[in-house]
Amino acid sequence: MNTGIIILAAGNSSRLGSPKQLLYYQGSSLLQRTVAAAETTAYVPIVLVLGAYADQILEQHPDFNINIIINDSWEKGISSSIAAGLSKMLELEADTKNVVIAVADQPFIRPEIFTELVEESQRSRKNIVASKYAETIGTPALFNEIYFDELIALNGNTGAKPLLQKYAADVATIPFELGHIDIDTQKDYNNLNHEQ
């Protein structure tokens, strides 16, 4: 079953004041870590959605060997990046059956998370599989093609969360123990480095 990965990295890191995609942790930028985890899997295509800091990111990471698009409408929120990424994926691979949506600020992402999402979708026969952490569910999350139209139609900055709630009966989960750790503020980043 054809599964692709969309990595969302278009935001302007408003609470941090600089591109969090380029913050380093254990020798790699957060974005590099996410791309590397995706590339280690067998899933293609991989679509990276950039926006606010696209030039800076491409300057520092000119060697990404994946499909990169620029979302000029990134200010409309994360939903616009999901739509842009999924539209590009379907342009590249029209028979994509599942898409995994990931974000670029979860430092503990690893290839196994992507694999477990796909395996759980096959095992559970559910059409959405989300990562579970800290009493919530979220990214990375897998969506079957039956939800592609709704993903493309999303608005605002809530991402795909409304679909997880609307179709709760069709959602399975996998554990992502440190998935709740993401970087939104300087304090988050300081805490991450102190925990090394």
C-alpha atoms as a PDB file:
ATOM      1  CA  MET A   1       0.000   0.000   0.000  1.00  0.00           C
ATOM      2  CA  ASN A   2       1.578   3.272  -1.126  1.00  0.00           C
ATOM      3  CA  THR A   3       2.379   5.525   1.812  1.00  0.00           C
ATOM      4  CA  GLY A   4       4.009   8.942   1.605  1.00  0.00           C
ATOM      5  CA  ILE A   5       5.283  11.325   4.272  1.00  0.00           C
ATOM      6  CA  ILE A   6       4.668  15.065   4.566  1.00  0.00           C
ATOM      7  CA  ILE A   7       6.990  17.044   6.849  1.00  0.00           C
ATOM      8  CA  LEU A   8       5.559  20.391   7.924  1.00  0.00           C
ATOM      9  CA  ALA A   9       8.238  23.036   8.460  1.00  0.00           C
ATOM     10  CA  ALA A  10       6.679  26.246   7.141  1.00  0.00           C
ATOM     11  CA  GLY A  11       5.918  28.101  10.375  1.00  0.00           C
ATOM     12  CA  ASN A  12       7.616  31.265  11.563  1.00  0.00           C
ATOM     13  CA  SER A  13       8.335  30.062  15.123  1.00  0.00           C
ATOM     14  CA  SER A  14       6.612  33.178  16.452  1.00  0.00           C
ATOM     15  CA  ARG A  15       7.124  32.329  20.134  1.00  0.00           C
ATOM     16  CA  LEU A  16      10.797  31.520  19.624  1.00  0.00           C
ATOM     17  CA  GLY A  17      11.720  34.416  17.362  1.00  0.00           C
ATOM     18  CA  SER A  18      14.052  32.374  15.137  1.00  0.00           C
ATOM     19  CA  PRO A  19      13.562  29.285  12.962  1.00  0.00           C
ATOM     20  CA  LYS A  20      13.164  26.324  15.303  1.00  0.00           C
ATOM     21  CA  GLN A  21      13.640  24.037  12.315  1.00  0.00           C
ATOM     22  CA  LEU A  22      17.337  24.989  12.466  1.00  0.00           C
ATOM     23  CA  LEU A  23      17.874  24.513  16.206  1.00  0.00           C
ATOM     24  CA  TYR A  24      20.457  21.844  16.874  1.00  0.00           C
ATOM     25  CA  TYR A  25      20.090  18.821  19.114  1.00  0.00           C
ATOM     26  CA  GLN A  26      22.714  16.090  19.400  1.00  0.00           C
ATOM     27  CA  GLY A  27      24.593  17.271  16.339  1.00  0.00           C
ATOM     28  CA  SER A  28      21.700  17.739  13.894  1.00  0.00           C
ATOM     29  CA  SER A  29      19.059  20.371  13.346  1.00  0.00           C
ATOM     30  CA  LEU A  30      15.518  19.435  14.335  1.00  0.00           C
ATOM     31  CA  LEU A  31      14.584  19.446  10.661  1.00  0.00           C
ATOM     32  CA  GLN A  32      17.526  17.206   9.742  1.00  0.00           C
ATOM     33  CA  ARG A  33      16.450  14.721  12.406  1.00  0.00           C
ATOM     34  CA  THR A  34      12.918  14.552  11.022  1.00  0.00           C
ATOM     35  CA  VAL A  35      14.036  14.250   7.404  1.00  0.00           C
ATOM     36  CA  ALA A  36      16.574  11.550   8.324  1.00  0.00           C
ATOM     37  CA  ALA A  37      13.922   9.545  10.186  1.00  0.00           C
ATOM     38  CA  ALA A  38      11.591   9.738   7.180  1.00  0.00           C
ATOM     39  CA  GLU A  39      14.334   8.882   4.681  1.00  0.00           C
ATOM     40  CA  THR A  40      15.285   5.785   6.669  1.00  0.00           C
ATOM     41  CA  THR A  41      11.862   4.285   5.966  1.00  0.00           C
ATOM     42  CA  ALA A  42      10.686   2.726   2.720  1.00  0.00           C
ATOM     43  CA  TYR A  43       7.920   5.300   2.303  1.00  0.00           C
ATOM     44  CA  VAL A  44       7.907   7.637  -0.682  1.00  0.00           C
ATOM     45  CA  PRO A  45       7.399  10.269  -1.758  1.00  0.00           C
ATOM     46  CA  ILE A  46       8.594  12.467   1.075  1.00  0.00           C
ATOM     47  CA  VAL A  47       7.388  16.050   0.736  1.00  0.00           C
ATOM     48  CA  LEU A  48       8.920  18.811   2.850  1.00  0.00           C
ATOM     49  CA  VAL A  49       6.786  21.942   3.145  1.00  0.00           C
ATOM     50  CA  LEU A  50       8.728  25.135   3.839  1.00  0.00           C
ATOM     51  CA  GLY A  51       7.456  28.677   4.216  1.00  0.00           C
ATOM     52  CA  ALA A  52       8.550  31.489   6.512  1.00  0.00           C
ATOM     53  CA  TYR A  53      12.276  30.685   6.632  1.00  0.00           C
ATOM     54  CA  ALA A  54      12.547  28.766   3.365  1.00  0.00           C
ATOM     55  CA  ASP A  55      15.624  30.608   2.049  1.00  0.00           C
ATOM     56  CA  GLN A  56      17.502  30.278   5.327  1.00  0.00           C
ATOM     57  CA  ILE A  57      16.638  26.589   5.666  1.00  0.00           C
ATOM     58  CA  LEU A  58      17.630  25.753   2.089  1.00  0.00           C
ATOM     59  CA  GLU A  59      20.868  27.688   2.508  1.00  0.00           C
ATOM     60  CA  GLN A  60      21.807  25.632   5.566  1.00  0.00           C
ATOM     61  CA  HIS A  61      20.482  22.340   4.184  1.00  0.00           C
ATOM     62  CA  PRO A  62      21.131  22.388   0.419  1.00  0.00           C
ATOM     63  CA  ASP A  63      21.580  18.618   0.263  1.00  0.00           C
ATOM     64  CA  PHE A  64      18.087  17.373   1.150  1.00  0.00           C
ATOM     65  CA  ASN A  65      17.285  14.694  -1.432  1.00  0.00           C
ATOM     66  CA  ILE A  66      13.506  14.893  -1.080  1.00  0.00           C
ATOM     67  CA  ASN A  67      10.654  16.834  -2.668  1.00  0.00           C
ATOM     68  CA  ILE A  68      10.593  20.390  -1.326  1.00  0.00           C
ATOM     69  CA  ILE A  69       7.800  22.871  -1.858  1.00  0.00           C
ATOM     70  CA  ILE A  70       7.348  26.421  -0.627  1.00  0.00           C
ATOM     71  CA  ASN A  71       3.971  27.283   0.875  1.00  0.00           C
ATOM     72  CA  ASP A  72       3.605  30.984   0.122  1.00  0.00           C
ATOM     73  CA  SER A  73       0.385  30.940   2.174  1.00  0.00           C
ATOM     74  CA  TRP A  74       2.069  29.712   5.369  1.00  0.00           C
ATOM     75  CA  GLU A  75       0.622  32.680   7.290  1.00  0.00           C
ATOM     76  CA  LYS A  76      -2.830  31.117   6.858  1.00  0.00           C
ATOM     77  CA  GLY A  77      -1.779  28.421   9.304  1.00  0.00           C
ATOM     78  CA  ILE A  78      -0.588  24.848   9.392  1.00  0.00           C
ATOM     79  CA  SER A  79      -3.666  23.633   7.532  1.00  0.00           C
ATOM     80  CA  SER A  80      -2.493  25.436   4.400  1.00  0.00           C
ATOM     81  CA  SER A  81       0.792  23.527   4.605  1.00  0.00           C
ATOM     82  CA  ILE A  82      -1.031  20.209   4.955  1.00  0.00           C
ATOM     83  CA  ALA A  83      -3.070  21.046   1.852  1.00  0.00           C
ATOM     84  CA  ALA A  84       0.004  22.153  -0.106  1.00  0.00           C
ATOM     85  CA  GLY A  85       1.985  19.079   0.906  1.00  0.00           C
ATOM     86  CA  LEU A  86      -0.786  16.622   0.126  1.00  0.00           C
ATOM     87  CA  SER A  87      -1.552  18.254  -3.219  1.00  0.00           C
ATOM     88  CA  LYS A  88       2.131  17.938  -4.166  1.00  0.00           C
ATOM     89  CA  MET A  89       2.228  14.323  -3.017  1.00  0.00           C
ATOM     90  CA  LEU A  90      -0.745  13.383  -5.174  1.00  0.00           C
ATOM     91  CA  GLU A  91       0.830  15.204  -8.101  1.00  0.00           C
ATOM     92  CA  LEU A  92       3.977  13.084  -7.630  1.00  0.00           C
ATOM     93  CA  GLU A  93       2.214   9.810  -6.831  1.00  0.00           C
ATOM     94  CA  ALA A  94      -1.457   9.805  -7.784  1.00  0.00           C
ATOM     95  CA  ASP A  95      -2.098   6.375  -6.280  1.00  0.00           C
ATOM     96  CA  THR A  96      -0.916   7.275  -2.772  1.00  0.00           C
ATOM     97  CA  LYS A  97      -3.145   5.368  -0.336  1.00  0.00           C
ATOM     98  CA  ASN A  98      -1.895   6.742   2.993  1.00  0.00           C
ATOM     99  CA  VAL A  99      -0.085   9.855   4.078  1.00  0.00           C
ATOM    100  CA  VAL A 100       1.840  10.338   7.314  1.00  0.00           C
ATOM    101  CA  ILE A 101       1.898  13.944   8.512  1.00  0.00           C
ATOM    102  CA  ALA A 102       4.917  14.860  10.640  1.00  0.00           C
ATOM    103  CA  VAL A 103       6.219  18.116  12.089  1.00  0.00           C
ATOM    104  CA  ALA A 104       9.782  19.368  12.295  1.00  0.00           C
ATOM    105  CA  ASP A 105       9.994  20.134  16.009  1.00  0.00           C
ATOM    106  CA  GLN A 106       9.672  16.731  17.701  1.00  0.00           C
ATOM    107  CA  PRO A 107      13.327  15.971  18.507  1.00  0.00           C
ATOM    108  CA  PHE A 108      12.676  12.360  19.461  1.00  0.00           C
ATOM    109  CA  ILE A 109      11.116  11.302  16.166  1.00  0.00           C
ATOM    110  CA  ARG A 110      12.582   8.053  14.837  1.00  0.00           C
ATOM    111  CA  PRO A 111      11.976   5.843  11.787  1.00  0.00           C
ATOM    112  CA  GLU A 112      10.156   3.209  13.825  1.00  0.00           C
ATOM    113  CA  ILE A 113       7.331   5.660  14.550  1.00  0.00           C
ATOM    114  CA  PHE A 114       6.525   5.923  10.843  1.00  0.00           C
ATOM    115  CA  THR A 115       6.676   2.147  10.431  1.00  0.00           C
ATOM    116  CA  GLU A 116       4.488   1.523  13.479  1.00  0.00           C
ATOM    117  CA  LEU A 117       1.833   3.925  12.176  1.00  0.00           C
ATOM    118  CA  VAL A 118       1.579   1.982   8.920  1.00  0.00           C
ATOM    119  CA  GLU A 119       1.641  -1.414  10.636  1.00  0.00           C
ATOM    120  CA  GLU A 120      -1.082  -0.343  13.070  1.00  0.00           C
ATOM    121  CA  SER A 121      -3.291   0.877  10.225  1.00  0.00           C
ATOM    122  CA  GLN A 122      -3.015  -2.566   8.628  1.00  0.00           C
ATOM    123  CA  ARG A 123      -3.540  -4.419  11.903  1.00  0.00           C
ATOM    124  CA  SER A 124      -6.429  -2.324  13.234  1.00  0.00           C
ATOM    125  CA  ARG A 125      -8.094  -1.646   9.870  1.00  0.00           C
ATOM    126  CA  LYS A 126      -8.550   1.952  11.044  1.00  0.00           C
ATOM    127  CA  ASN A 127      -8.135   4.725   8.503  1.00  0.00           C
ATOM    128  CA  ILE A 128      -6.407   7.143  10.886  1.00  0.00           C
ATOM    129  CA  VAL A 129      -3.522   6.243  13.189  1.00  0.00           C
ATOM    130  CA  ALA A 130      -2.156   8.926  15.511  1.00  0.00           C
ATOM    131  CA  SER A 131       0.740   9.051  17.938  1.00  0.00           C
ATOM    132  CA  LYS A 132      -0.245   8.985  21.601  1.00  0.00           C
ATOM    133  CA  TYR A 133       1.657  10.913  24.262  1.00  0.00           C
ATOM    134  CA  ALA A 134       1.008  12.881  27.438  1.00  0.00           C
ATOM    135  CA  GLU A 135      -2.745  12.180  27.526  1.00  0.00           C
ATOM    136  CA  THR A 136      -3.307  13.393  23.974  1.00  0.00           C
ATOM    137  CA  ILE A 137      -2.923  12.229  20.395  1.00  0.00           C
ATOM    138  CA  GLY A 138      -1.235  13.996  17.531  1.00  0.00           C
ATOM    139  CA  THR A 139       1.635  13.920  15.060  1.00  0.00           C
ATOM    140  CA  PRO A 140       3.023  12.002  13.407  1.00  0.00           C
ATOM    141  CA  ALA A 141      -0.350  10.754  12.212  1.00  0.00           C
ATOM    142  CA  LEU A 142      -1.395   8.570   9.292  1.00  0.00           C
ATOM    143  CA  PHE A 143      -4.470   9.271   7.185  1.00  0.00           C
ATOM    144  CA  ASN A 144      -5.964   6.967   4.579  1.00  0.00           C
ATOM    145  CA  GLU A 145      -6.950   8.345   1.193  1.00  0.00           C
ATOM    146  CA  ILE A 146     -10.622   8.470   2.212  1.00  0.00           C
ATOM    147  CA  TYR A 147      -9.703  11.582   4.240  1.00  0.00           C
ATOM    148  CA  PHE A 148      -7.541  13.318   1.630  1.00  0.00           C
ATOM    149  CA  ASP A 149     -10.279  15.670   0.433  1.00  0.00           C
ATOM    150  CA  GLU A 150     -10.981  16.781   3.997  1.00  0.00           C
ATOM    151  CA  LEU A 151      -7.288  17.271   4.732  1.00  0.00           C
ATOM    152  CA  ILE A 152      -6.959  19.513   1.696  1.00  0.00           C
ATOM    153  CA  ALA A 153     -10.060  21.469   2.767  1.00  0.00           C
ATOM    154  CA  LEU A 154      -8.795  22.198   6.321  1.00  0.00           C
ATOM    155  CA  ASN A 155      -8.492  25.826   7.429  1.00  0.00           C
ATOM    156  CA  GLY A 156      -6.636  27.706  10.124  1.00  0.00           C
ATOM    157  CA  ASN A 157      -3.923  26.728  12.569  1.00  0.00           C
ATOM    158  CA  THR A 158      -5.408  23.636  14.200  1.00  0.00           C
ATOM    159  CA  GLY A 159      -3.916  21.251  11.660  1.00  0.00           C
ATOM    160  CA  ALA A 160      -5.568  17.855  11.309  1.00  0.00           C
ATOM    161  CA  LYS A 161      -6.679  17.695  14.955  1.00  0.00           C
ATOM    162  CA  PRO A 162     -10.356  18.318  14.063  1.00  0.00           C
ATOM    163  CA  LEU A 163     -10.345  15.150  11.950  1.00  0.00           C
ATOM    164  CA  LEU A 164      -8.942  13.121  14.848  1.00  0.00           C
ATOM    165  CA  GLN A 165     -11.877  14.329  16.939  1.00  0.00           C
ATOM    166  CA  LYS A 166     -14.559  14.125  14.242  1.00  0.00           C
ATOM    167  CA  TYR A 167     -13.653  10.565  13.266  1.00  0.00           C
ATOM    168  CA  ALA A 168     -12.586   9.264  16.678  1.00  0.00           C
ATOM    169  CA  ALA A 169     -14.210   5.881  15.988  1.00  0.00           C
ATOM    170  CA  ASP A 170     -11.881   5.424  13.011  1.00  0.00           C
ATOM    171  CA  VAL A 171      -8.701   6.343  14.914  1.00  0.00           C
ATOM    172  CA  ALA A 172      -6.115   3.905  16.239  1.00  0.00           C
ATOM    173  CA  THR A 173      -3.021   4.992  18.156  1.00  0.00           C
ATOM    174  CA  ILE A 174       0.578   3.988  18.712  1.00  0.00           C
ATOM    175  CA  PRO A 175       2.696   5.060  21.691  1.00  0.00           C
ATOM    176  CA  PHE A 176       5.289   7.781  21.064  1.00  0.00           C
ATOM    177  CA  GLU A 177       6.764   8.090  24.526  1.00  0.00           C
ATOM    178  CA  LEU A 178       8.575  11.412  24.094  1.00  0.00           C
ATOM    179  CA  GLY A 179       6.262  12.815  21.445  1.00  0.00           C
ATOM    180  CA  HIS A 180       4.965  15.493  23.791  1.00  0.00           C
ATOM    181  CA  ILE A 181       8.375  17.164  23.742  1.00  0.00           C
ATOM    182  CA  ASP A 182       8.369  19.806  21.045  1.00  0.00           C
ATOM    183  CA  ILE A 183      10.092  23.142  20.742  1.00  0.00           C
ATOM    184  CA  ASP A 184       7.970  26.288  20.761  1.00  0.00           C
ATOM    185  CA  THR A 185       9.936  28.577  23.086  1.00  0.00           C
ATOM    186  CA  GLN A 186      13.502  29.239  24.184  1.00  0.00           C
ATOM    187  CA  LYS A 187      12.605  27.614  27.503  1.00  0.00           C
ATOM    188  CA  ASP A 188      11.560  24.424  25.685  1.00  0.00           C
ATOM    189  CA  TYR A 189      14.911  24.368  23.906  1.00  0.00           C
ATOM    190  CA  ASN A 190      16.857  25.045  27.097  1.00  0.00           C
ATOM    191  CA  ASN A 191      15.000  22.225  28.849  1.00  0.00           C
ATOM    192  CA  LEU A 192      15.754  19.870  25.970  1.00  0.00           C
ATOM    193  CA  ASN A 193      19.473  20.590  26.159  1.00  0.00           C
ATOM    194  CA  HIS A 194      19.543  20.235  29.939  1.00  0.00           C
ATOM    195  CA  GLU A 195      17.976  16.783  29.659  1.00  0.00           C
ATOM    196  CA  GLN A 196      20.768  15.431  27.445  1.00  0.00           C
END
